[in-house]
C-alpha atoms as a PDB file:
ATOM      1  CA  MET A   1      15.614   2.190 -13.839  1.00  0.00           C
ATOM      2  CA  PRO A   2      15.652  -0.422 -11.063  1.00  0.00           C
ATOM      3  CA  ILE A   3      12.566  -0.995  -8.930  1.00  0.00           C
ATOM      4  CA  PHE A   4      12.835  -0.938  -5.133  1.00  0.00           C
ATOM      5  CA  ILE A   5      10.522  -1.581  -2.212  1.00  0.00           C
ATOM      6  CA  ASP A   6      11.225   0.016   1.149  1.00  0.00           C
ATOM      7  CA  ARG A   7       9.957  -0.590   4.674  1.00  0.00           C
ATOM      8  CA  HIS A   8       8.953   2.105   7.173  1.00  0.00           C
ATOM      9  CA  ASP A   9       8.144   1.951  10.861  1.00  0.00           C
ATOM     10  CA  LEU A  10       4.896   3.953  10.985  1.00  0.00           C
ATOM     11  CA  ARG A  11       3.542   3.159  14.414  1.00  0.00           C
ATOM     12  CA  GLY A  12       1.142   5.816  15.634  1.00  0.00           C
ATOM     13  CA  MET A  13       0.334   7.102  12.147  1.00  0.00           C
ATOM     14  CA  THR A  14      -3.007   6.884  10.343  1.00  0.00           C
ATOM     15  CA  ALA A  15      -4.012   6.125   6.765  1.00  0.00           C
ATOM     16  CA  HIS A  16      -4.584   9.849   6.237  1.00  0.00           C
ATOM     17  CA  ASP A  17      -1.056  10.609   7.509  1.00  0.00           C
ATOM     18  CA  ILE A  18       0.427   8.097   5.080  1.00  0.00           C
ATOM     19  CA  ALA A  19      -1.585   9.416   2.139  1.00  0.00           C
ATOM     20  CA  GLU A  20      -0.306  12.917   2.868  1.00  0.00           C
ATOM     21  CA  ALA A  21       3.301  11.692   3.120  1.00  0.00           C
ATOM     22  CA  HIS A  22       2.951   9.898  -0.225  1.00  0.00           C
ATOM     23  CA  LYS A  23       1.562  13.086  -1.742  1.00  0.00           C
ATOM     24  CA  LYS A  24       4.651  14.998  -0.546  1.00  0.00           C
ATOM     25  CA  ASP A  25       6.901  12.371  -2.143  1.00  0.00           C
ATOM     26  CA  LEU A  26       5.057  12.772  -5.442  1.00  0.00           C
ATOM     27  CA  GLU A  27       5.413  16.561  -5.353  1.00  0.00           C
ATOM     28  CA  ILE A  28       9.222  16.481  -5.409  1.00  0.00           C
ATOM     29  CA  GLN A  29      10.032  13.099  -6.987  1.00  0.00           C
ATOM     30  CA  ALA A  30      10.786  14.608 -10.419  1.00  0.00           C
ATOM     31  CA  ASP A  31      13.547  16.736  -8.880  1.00  0.00           C
ATOM     32  CA  PHE A  32      15.410  13.522  -8.045  1.00  0.00           C
ATOM     33  CA  GLY A  33      14.541  11.510 -11.153  1.00  0.00           C
ATOM     34  CA  VAL A  34      12.434   9.131  -9.069  1.00  0.00           C
ATOM     35  CA  SER A  35       8.898   7.763  -9.436  1.00  0.00           C
ATOM     36  CA  PHE A  36       6.938   6.588  -6.393  1.00  0.00           C
ATOM     37  CA  VAL A  37       4.710   3.933  -7.985  1.00  0.00           C
ATOM     38  CA  THR A  38       2.472   3.015  -5.044  1.00  0.00           C
ATOM     39  CA  TYR A  39       2.456   2.153  -1.339  1.00  0.00           C
ATOM     40  CA  TRP A  40       0.911  -0.093   1.316  1.00  0.00           C
ATOM     41  CA  PHE A  41       0.147   0.652   4.955  1.00  0.00           C
ATOM     42  CA  ASP A  42      -0.665  -1.696   7.830  1.00  0.00           C
ATOM     43  CA  GLU A  43      -2.083   0.321  10.707  1.00  0.00           C
ATOM     44  CA  ASP A  44      -2.350  -2.703  13.014  1.00  0.00           C
ATOM     45  CA  ARG A  45       1.317  -3.635  12.611  1.00  0.00           C
ATOM     46  CA  GLY A  46       2.520  -0.054  12.176  1.00  0.00           C
ATOM     47  CA  THR A  47       4.411  -0.732   8.948  1.00  0.00           C
ATOM     48  CA  GLY A  48       4.417   0.815   5.498  1.00  0.00           C
ATOM     49  CA  PHE A  49       6.029  -0.020   2.167  1.00  0.00           C
ATOM     50  CA  CYS A  50       6.730   2.110  -0.910  1.00  0.00           C
ATOM     51  CA  LEU A  51       7.297   0.812  -4.431  1.00  0.00           C
ATOM     52  CA  ILE A  52       9.849   3.080  -6.097  1.00  0.00           C
ATOM     53  CA  ASP A  53      11.328   3.427  -9.562  1.00  0.00           C
ATOM     54  CA  ALA A  54      14.715   5.035  -8.832  1.00  0.00           C
ATOM     55  CA  PRO A  55      18.319   5.145 -10.061  1.00  0.00           C
ATOM     56  CA  ASP A  56      19.457   3.610  -6.764  1.00  0.00           C
ATOM     57  CA  ALA A  57      18.348   3.066  -3.180  1.00  0.00           C
ATOM     58  CA  ASP A  58      20.149   6.143  -1.839  1.00  0.00           C
ATOM     59  CA  THR A  59      18.281   8.447  -4.239  1.00  0.00           C
ATOM     60  CA  ALA A  60      14.972   6.969  -3.112  1.00  0.00           C
ATOM     61  CA  ARG A  61      15.947   7.690   0.502  1.00  0.00           C
ATOM     62  CA  LYS A  62      16.806  11.289  -0.380  1.00  0.00           C
ATOM     63  CA  VAL A  63      13.249  11.937  -1.596  1.00  0.00           C
ATOM     64  CA  HIS A  64      11.826  10.752   1.730  1.00  0.00           C
ATOM     65  CA  ALA A  65      14.340  12.883   3.609  1.00  0.00           C
ATOM     66  CA  ALA A  66      13.443  16.004   1.650  1.00  0.00           C
ATOM     67  CA  SER A  67       9.676  15.512   1.562  1.00  0.00           C
ATOM     68  CA  HIS A  68       8.625  14.415   5.052  1.00  0.00           C
ATOM     69  CA  GLY A  69      11.651  12.972   6.856  1.00  0.00           C
ATOM     70  CA  ASN A  70      10.156   9.545   7.567  1.00  0.00           C
ATOM     71  CA  MET A  71      13.106   7.389   6.572  1.00  0.00           C
ATOM     72  CA  PRO A  72      12.866   3.702   5.613  1.00  0.00           C
ATOM     73  CA  GLU A  73      14.578   1.025   7.666  1.00  0.00           C
ATOM     74  CA  ASN A  74      15.721  -0.755   4.510  1.00  0.00           C
ATOM     75  CA  VAL A  75      15.353  -0.579   0.738  1.00  0.00           C
ATOM     76  CA  VAL A  76      15.366  -3.758  -1.364  1.00  0.00           C
ATOM     77  CA  PRO A  77      15.556  -4.191  -5.166  1.00  0.00           C
ATOM     78  CA  VAL A  78      12.612  -6.181  -6.548  1.00  0.00           C
ATOM     79  CA  ASP A  79      11.183  -7.518  -9.784  1.00  0.00           C
ATOM     80  CA  MET A  80       7.976  -5.772 -10.850  1.00  0.00           C
ATOM     81  CA  SER A  81       6.258  -8.983 -11.957  1.00  0.00           C
ATOM     82  CA  ALA A  82       6.994 -10.569  -8.563  1.00  0.00           C
ATOM     83  CA  VAL A  83       5.553  -7.526  -6.798  1.00  0.00           C
ATOM     84  CA  GLN A  84       2.349  -7.818  -8.802  1.00  0.00           C
ATOM     85  CA  ALA A  85       2.100 -11.559  -8.155  1.00  0.00           C
ATOM     86  CA  PHE A  86       2.642 -11.252  -4.401  1.00  0.00           C
ATOM     87  CA  LEU A  87       0.970  -7.932  -3.659  1.00  0.00           C
ATOM     88  CA  GLY A  88      -1.693  -7.835  -6.360  1.00  0.00           C
ATOM     89  CA  ARG A  89      -1.305  -4.288  -7.622  1.00  0.00           C
ATOM     90  CA  ILE A  90       1.324  -1.863  -8.890  1.00  0.00           C
ATOM     91  CA  ALA A  91      -0.836   1.254  -8.914  1.00  0.00           C
ATOM     92  CA  ASP A  92      -2.011   3.617  -6.207  1.00  0.00           C
ATOM     93  CA  PRO A  93      -4.976   2.361  -4.155  1.00  0.00           C
ATOM     94  CA  ALA A  94      -8.505   3.367  -5.121  1.00  0.00           C
ATOM     95  CA  ARG A  95     -10.216   6.222  -3.314  1.00  0.00           C
ATOM     96  CA  HIS A  96     -12.393   5.407  -0.320  1.00  0.00           C
ATOM     97  CA  PRO A  97     -16.081   5.734  -1.305  1.00  0.00           C
ATOM     98  CA  ASP A  98     -16.979   7.632   1.889  1.00  0.00           C
ATOM     99  CA  HIS A  99     -13.811   9.628   2.575  1.00  0.00           C
ATOM    100  CA  ASP A 100     -11.224  11.712   0.767  1.00  0.00           C
ATOM    101  CA  HIS A 101      -8.321   9.364   1.508  1.00  0.00           C
ATOM    102  CA  PRO A 102      -7.402   6.146  -0.365  1.00  0.00           C
ATOM    103  CA  LEU A 103      -8.360   2.599   0.553  1.00  0.00           C
ATOM    104  CA  ILE A 104      -4.890   1.611   1.737  1.00  0.00           C
ATOM    105  CA  GLU A 105      -4.306  -2.107   2.222  1.00  0.00           C
ATOM    106  CA  PRO A 106      -1.490  -3.755   4.191  1.00  0.00           C
ATOM    107  CA  ALA A 107       1.345  -5.590   2.415  1.00  0.00           C
ATOM    108  CA  PHE A 108       1.132  -8.602   4.739  1.00  0.00           C
ATOM    109  CA  ARG A 109       0.581 -11.752   2.634  1.00  0.00           C
ATOM    110  CA  THR A 110       0.178 -15.501   3.066  1.00  0.00           C
ATOM    111  CA  VAL A 111       2.281 -17.751   0.834  1.00  0.00           C
ATOM    112  CA  MET A 112       1.212 -21.281  -0.078  1.00  0.00           C
ATOM    113  CA  PHE A 113       3.164 -24.091  -1.742  1.00  0.00           C
ATOM    114  CA  THR A 114       1.676 -27.250  -3.202  1.00  0.00           C
ATOM    115  CA  ASP A 115       3.899 -30.191  -4.107  1.00  0.00           C
ATOM    116  CA  LEU A 116       3.019 -33.400  -5.917  1.00  0.00           C
ATOM    117  CA  VAL A 117       4.023 -36.388  -3.796  1.00  0.00           C
ATOM    118  CA  GLU A 118       6.496 -38.778  -5.486  1.00  0.00           C
ATOM    119  CA  SER A 119       6.278 -36.960  -8.806  1.00  0.00           C
ATOM    120  CA  THR A 120       9.542 -38.485 -10.044  1.00  0.00           C
ATOM    121  CA  ALA A 121       8.286 -42.010  -9.361  1.00  0.00           C
ATOM    122  CA  MET A 122       4.995 -41.125 -11.053  1.00  0.00           C
ATOM    123  CA  THR A 123       6.849 -40.053 -14.204  1.00  0.00           C
ATOM    124  CA  ALA A 124       8.896 -43.272 -14.216  1.00  0.00           C
ATOM    125  CA  ARG A 125       5.756 -45.355 -13.757  1.00  0.00           C
ATOM    126  CA  LEU A 126       3.409 -43.553 -16.159  1.00  0.00           C
ATOM    127  CA  GLY A 127       5.765 -42.041 -18.705  1.00  0.00           C
ATOM    128  CA  ASP A 128       6.156 -38.414 -19.685  1.00  0.00           C
ATOM    129  CA  LEU A 129       2.850 -37.929 -21.497  1.00  0.00           C
ATOM    130  CA  ARG A 130       0.576 -39.348 -18.795  1.00  0.00           C
ATOM    131  CA  SER A 131       2.531 -37.707 -15.982  1.00  0.00           C
ATOM    132  CA  VAL A 132       2.159 -34.315 -17.698  1.00  0.00           C
ATOM    133  CA  GLU A 133      -1.597 -34.936 -17.811  1.00  0.00           C
ATOM    134  CA  MET A 134      -1.574 -35.632 -14.076  1.00  0.00           C
ATOM    135  CA  VAL A 135       0.336 -32.427 -13.375  1.00  0.00           C
ATOM    136  CA  ARG A 136      -2.166 -30.503 -15.479  1.00  0.00           C
ATOM    137  CA  SER A 137      -5.028 -32.021 -13.480  1.00  0.00           C
ATOM    138  CA  HIS A 138      -3.335 -30.866 -10.288  1.00  0.00           C
ATOM    139  CA  ASP A 139      -2.804 -27.404 -11.786  1.00  0.00           C
ATOM    140  CA  ALA A 140      -6.455 -27.110 -12.814  1.00  0.00           C
ATOM    141  CA  ILE A 141      -7.701 -28.013  -9.329  1.00  0.00           C
ATOM    142  CA  VAL A 142      -5.274 -25.619  -7.619  1.00  0.00           C
ATOM    143  CA  ARG A 143      -6.039 -22.748 -10.007  1.00  0.00           C
ATOM    144  CA  ARG A 144      -9.783 -23.228  -9.620  1.00  0.00           C
ATOM    145  CA  SER A 145      -9.374 -22.996  -5.847  1.00  0.00           C
ATOM    146  CA  LEU A 146      -7.105 -19.952  -6.189  1.00  0.00           C
ATOM    147  CA  LYS A 147      -9.709 -18.167  -8.290  1.00  0.00           C
ATOM    148  CA  LYS A 148     -12.449 -18.904  -5.784  1.00  0.00           C
ATOM    149  CA  GLU A 149     -10.369 -17.617  -2.844  1.00  0.00           C
ATOM    150  CA  ASP A 150      -8.788 -14.582  -4.570  1.00  0.00           C
ATOM    151  CA  GLY A 151      -5.340 -16.156  -4.590  1.00  0.00           C
ATOM    152  CA  ARG A 152      -2.619 -15.310  -7.113  1.00  0.00           C
ATOM    153  CA  GLU A 153      -0.276 -17.808  -8.705  1.00  0.00           C
ATOM    154  CA  VAL A 154       3.278 -16.555  -8.208  1.00  0.00           C
ATOM    155  CA  LYS A 155       4.979 -19.337 -10.157  1.00  0.00           C
ATOM    156  CA  HIS A 156       4.780 -22.961 -11.202  1.00  0.00           C
ATOM    157  CA  THR A 157       7.552 -25.028  -9.618  1.00  0.00           C
ATOM    158  CA  GLY A 158       7.350 -27.968 -12.034  1.00  0.00           C
ATOM    159  CA  ASP A 159       5.569 -30.293  -9.639  1.00  0.00           C
ATOM    160  CA  GLY A 160       3.589 -27.726  -7.683  1.00  0.00           C
ATOM    161  CA  ILE A 161       2.415 -24.131  -7.449  1.00  0.00           C
ATOM    162  CA  MET A 162       3.450 -21.198  -5.257  1.00  0.00           C
ATOM    163  CA  ALA A 163       0.616 -18.753  -4.575  1.00  0.00           C
ATOM    164  CA  ALA A 164      -0.028 -15.619  -2.526  1.00  0.00           C
ATOM    165  CA  PHE A 165      -3.132 -14.404  -0.690  1.00  0.00           C
ATOM    166  CA  ASN A 166      -4.149 -11.107   0.874  1.00  0.00           C
ATOM    167  CA  THR A 167      -5.679 -12.898   3.867  1.00  0.00           C
ATOM    168  CA  ALA A 168      -4.760 -15.982   5.842  1.00  0.00           C
ATOM    169  CA  GLU A 169      -8.377 -17.145   5.857  1.00  0.00           C
ATOM    170  CA  ASN A 170      -8.489 -17.226   2.053  1.00  0.00           C
ATOM    171  CA  ALA A 171      -5.247 -19.191   1.979  1.00  0.00           C
ATOM    172  CA  VAL A 172      -6.470 -21.838   4.413  1.00  0.00           C
ATOM    173  CA  ARG A 173      -9.783 -22.228   2.608  1.00  0.00           C
ATOM    174  CA  CYS A 174      -7.922 -22.584  -0.672  1.00  0.00           C
ATOM    175  CA  ALA A 175      -5.635 -25.297   0.718  1.00  0.00           C
ATOM    176  CA  GLN A 176      -8.627 -27.195   2.076  1.00  0.00           C
ATOM    177  CA  ALA A 177     -10.406 -26.869  -1.268  1.00  0.00           C
ATOM    178  CA  VAL A 178      -7.355 -28.188  -3.126  1.00  0.00           C
ATOM    179  CA  LEU A 179      -7.249 -31.354  -1.030  1.00  0.00           C
ATOM    180  CA  ALA A 180     -11.016 -31.801  -1.264  1.00  0.00           C
ATOM    181  CA  GLY A 181     -10.853 -31.340  -5.036  1.00  0.00           C
ATOM    182  CA  LEU A 182      -8.064 -33.897  -5.354  1.00  0.00           C
ATOM    183  CA  GLU A 183      -9.999 -36.333  -3.183  1.00  0.00           C
ATOM    184  CA  ALA A 184     -12.950 -36.061  -5.584  1.00  0.00           C
ATOM    185  CA  PHE A 185     -10.591 -36.462  -8.564  1.00  0.00           C
ATOM    186  CA  ASN A 186      -9.031 -39.597  -7.061  1.00  0.00           C
ATOM    187  CA  MET A 187     -12.415 -41.229  -6.582  1.00  0.00           C
ATOM    188  CA  ALA A 188     -12.964 -41.076 -10.343  1.00  0.00           C
ATOM    189  CA  SER A 189      -9.392 -41.782 -11.489  1.00  0.00           C
ATOM    190  CA  ASP A 190      -7.422 -45.015 -11.766  1.00  0.00           C
ATOM    191  CA  GLU A 191      -4.284 -43.017 -10.947  1.00  0.00           C
ATOM    192  CA  PRO A 192      -4.501 -40.880  -7.784  1.00  0.00           C
ATOM    193  CA  ILE A 193      -2.860 -37.511  -7.220  1.00  0.00           C
ATOM    194  CA  HIS A 194      -1.536 -36.697  -3.771  1.00  0.00           C
ATOM    195  CA  VAL A 195      -0.036 -33.396  -2.662  1.00  0.00           C
ATOM    196  CA  ARG A 196       1.488 -31.804   0.391  1.00  0.00           C
ATOM    197  CA  ILE A 197       0.872 -28.142   1.257  1.00  0.00           C
ATOM    198  CA  GLY A 198       2.865 -25.679   3.357  1.00  0.00           C
ATOM    199  CA  MET A 199       1.999 -22.089   4.290  1.00  0.00           C
ATOM    200  CA  ASP A 200       3.461 -19.098   6.116  1.00  0.00           C
ATOM    201  CA  ALA A 201       2.645 -15.380   6.301  1.00  0.00           C
ATOM    202  CA  GLY A 202       4.737 -12.245   6.508  1.00  0.00           C
ATOM    203  CA  GLU A 203       5.755  -8.861   5.119  1.00  0.00           C
ATOM    204  CA  PRO A 204       7.561  -8.197   1.818  1.00  0.00           C
ATOM    205  CA  VAL A 205      10.750  -6.898   3.441  1.00  0.00           C
ATOM    206  CA  ALA A 206      11.855  -8.772   6.516  1.00  0.00           C
ATOM    207  CA  ASP A 207      15.290 -10.198   7.314  1.00  0.00           C
ATOM    208  CA  SER A 208      16.552 -10.776   3.782  1.00  0.00           C
ATOM    209  CA  ASN A 209      16.964  -8.930   0.504  1.00  0.00           C
ATOM    210  CA  ASP A 210      14.431 -11.141  -1.282  1.00  0.00           C
ATOM    211  CA  LEU A 211      10.783 -10.201  -1.663  1.00  0.00           C
ATOM    212  CA  PHE A 212       8.971 -12.216   1.030  1.00  0.00           C
ATOM    213  CA  GLY A 213      12.239 -14.163   1.342  1.00  0.00           C
ATOM    214  CA  ALA A 214      11.810 -15.624   4.815  1.00  0.00           C
ATOM    215  CA  THR A 215       8.082 -16.252   4.307  1.00  0.00           C
ATOM    216  CA  VAL A 216       8.640 -18.082   1.015  1.00  0.00           C
ATOM    217  CA  GLN A 217      11.446 -20.138   2.507  1.00  0.00           C
ATOM    218  CA  LYS A 218       9.437 -21.228   5.546  1.00  0.00           C
ATOM    219  CA  ALA A 219       6.352 -22.075   3.474  1.00  0.00           C
ATOM    220  CA  ALA A 220       8.509 -24.193   1.148  1.00  0.00           C
ATOM    221  CA  ARG A 221      10.175 -25.978   4.088  1.00  0.00           C
ATOM    222  CA  LEU A 222       6.805 -26.701   5.687  1.00  0.00           C
ATOM    223  CA  CYS A 223       5.550 -28.084   2.394  1.00  0.00           C
ATOM    224  CA  ALA A 224       8.564 -30.380   2.108  1.00  0.00           C
ATOM    225  CA  HIS A 225       7.997 -31.576   5.693  1.00  0.00           C
ATOM    226  CA  ALA A 226       4.290 -32.323   5.208  1.00  0.00           C
ATOM    227  CA  ALA A 227       2.876 -35.786   4.766  1.00  0.00           C
ATOM    228  CA  LYS A 228       0.771 -36.531   1.715  1.00  0.00           C
ATOM    229  CA  ASP A 229      -2.688 -34.948   1.693  1.00  0.00           C
ATOM    230  CA  SER A 230      -1.838 -32.657   4.606  1.00  0.00           C
ATOM    231  CA  ILE A 231      -1.578 -28.903   5.229  1.00  0.00           C
ATOM    232  CA  LEU A 232       1.156 -27.571   7.496  1.00  0.00           C
ATOM    233  CA  ILE A 233       1.214 -23.995   8.751  1.00  0.00           C
ATOM    234  CA  SER A 234       3.587 -21.841  10.790  1.00  0.00           C
ATOM    235  CA  GLN A 235       3.075 -20.314  14.228  1.00  0.00           C
ATOM    236  CA  CYS A 236       2.302 -17.000  12.526  1.00  0.00           C
ATOM    237  CA  LEU A 237      -0.610 -18.532  10.615  1.00  0.00           C
ATOM    238  CA  GLN A 238      -1.760 -20.471  13.650  1.00  0.00           C
ATOM    239  CA  ASP A 239      -2.034 -17.171  15.521  1.00  0.00           C
ATOM    240  CA  LEU A 240      -4.078 -15.718  12.654  1.00  0.00           C
ATOM    241  CA  VAL A 241      -6.496 -18.592  11.913  1.00  0.00           C
ATOM    242  CA  GLY A 242      -6.247 -21.073  14.770  1.00  0.00           C
ATOM    243  CA  ALA A 243      -9.413 -19.824  16.449  1.00  0.00           C
ATOM    244  CA  ASN A 244     -11.495 -20.367  13.303  1.00  0.00           C
ATOM    245  CA  TYR A 245     -10.108 -23.639  11.940  1.00  0.00           C
ATOM    246  CA  LYS A 246      -9.388 -26.992  13.498  1.00  0.00           C
ATOM    247  CA  THR A 247      -5.622 -27.290  13.803  1.00  0.00           C
ATOM    248  CA  THR A 248      -3.277 -29.687  15.590  1.00  0.00           C
ATOM    249  CA  PHE A 249       0.126 -28.846  17.025  1.00  0.00           C
ATOM    250  CA  LEU A 250       2.589 -31.425  15.702  1.00  0.00           C
ATOM    251  CA  ASP A 251       6.007 -30.506  17.068  1.00  0.00           C
ATOM    252  CA  ARG A 252       8.828 -28.021  16.990  1.00  0.00           C
ATOM    253  CA  VAL A 253      10.701 -28.898  13.809  1.00  0.00           C
ATOM    254  CA  ALA A 254      14.206 -27.982  12.636  1.00  0.00           C
ATOM    255  CA  LEU A 255      13.630 -26.429   9.216  1.00  0.00           C
ATOM    256  CA  LYS A 256      16.596 -25.869   6.928  1.00  0.00           C
ATOM    257  CA  GLY A 257      17.657 -22.212   6.915  1.00  0.00           C
ATOM    258  CA  PHE A 258      16.115 -21.380  10.305  1.00  0.00           C
ATOM    259  CA  ALA A 259      18.249 -21.101  13.423  1.00  0.00           C
ATOM    260  CA  GLU A 260      15.734 -22.485  15.915  1.00  0.00           C
ATOM    261  CA  PRO A 261      13.160 -25.301  15.671  1.00  0.00           C
ATOM    262  CA  GLU A 262       9.845 -23.915  14.423  1.00  0.00           C
ATOM    263  CA  PRO A 263       6.389 -24.775  15.821  1.00  0.00           C
ATOM    264  CA  VAL A 264       4.425 -26.665  13.171  1.00  0.00           C
ATOM    265  CA  TYR A 265       0.649 -27.087  13.016  1.00  0.00           C
ATOM    266  CA  GLU A 266      -1.538 -29.209  10.776  1.00  0.00           C
ATOM    267  CA  VAL A 267      -4.845 -27.872   9.443  1.00  0.00           C
ATOM    268  CA  GLN A 268      -7.665 -30.413   9.343  1.00  0.00           C
ATOM    269  CA  TRP A 269      -9.594 -30.428   6.080  1.00  0.00           C
ATOM    270  CA  ALA A 270     -11.578 -33.640   5.671  1.00  0.00           C
END
C-alpha cells in the first residue's frame, strides 16, 4: 500500500494527549485496512505528523475521524526511504524513562546541501579518474562531519551531498566542520577542493506535496548562491542559531521558485 504523512494543528495539546490519540488510531486501524506506523509531535510549534500505510489518503482521514476527530490539514504521499533519511526513524518513539508516555520528538528538520565549486572544470582539467578521487575526498570529509554531528545523508547529488539534521545547531556545526576539514585537506594537497553550503529548516509537510519540498528547494538555492568556502542560511535558521553563532546579513536575494526576495545570512566558520 502507499505510504502517507499527514499534518495536524495540535496547538494546546500535550505529548500525553498525542500519545492517547495515536493509541485510539491503533485500536481501530485494522477495521479500515490501515497501519499507523509512527508519529511526531512538536509542542512548541503545535504541530503533529503521522506516518500511515493506507490504501489512499481518504481512508487514512477516516480513521482519524472515527478514533478521535482530530483531522489533518493535508495528507501527502511519501517514499519510506526518504522519510527515514529525513526524519531518522520509522518506528514508534521509545518510552520515556521517567514517565508512562513516549519520548516524542518534533518533525522539524534542518537540510544542508554541499556543492563542489567548478566541478565540471575540475573534471576537464584532471580527468575522470582524478576528479572521482577528489569527489571521494569531499564525501569522506562531509560524512565524517555528519557522523560527528548526528546528521543523515539523504542523497548524493553527484558533486555534493544533501543531509538532514534533527537540530539546527548540529547542522551549523557540521557545515563549519566540513569547511575546516577541507581547509586542512587543501593544505596538504596539490589540488584544492572548494565547496559552497546552503541550509534551511522546516517541517515535512508545508506548502507542497513533496517531503520537505520548500525546505529542500530553499537550501539548494542558497547553496547555489553561495560563494566558495561559505555557508549561507535562511531567515528561519538565523532565528534559530543567530544568537549562538557569528553570522552576517548579506542581502535580500531573489531565489528561483520563491515569490519574494529572501533574507540571506552567512555563517562565519574560520
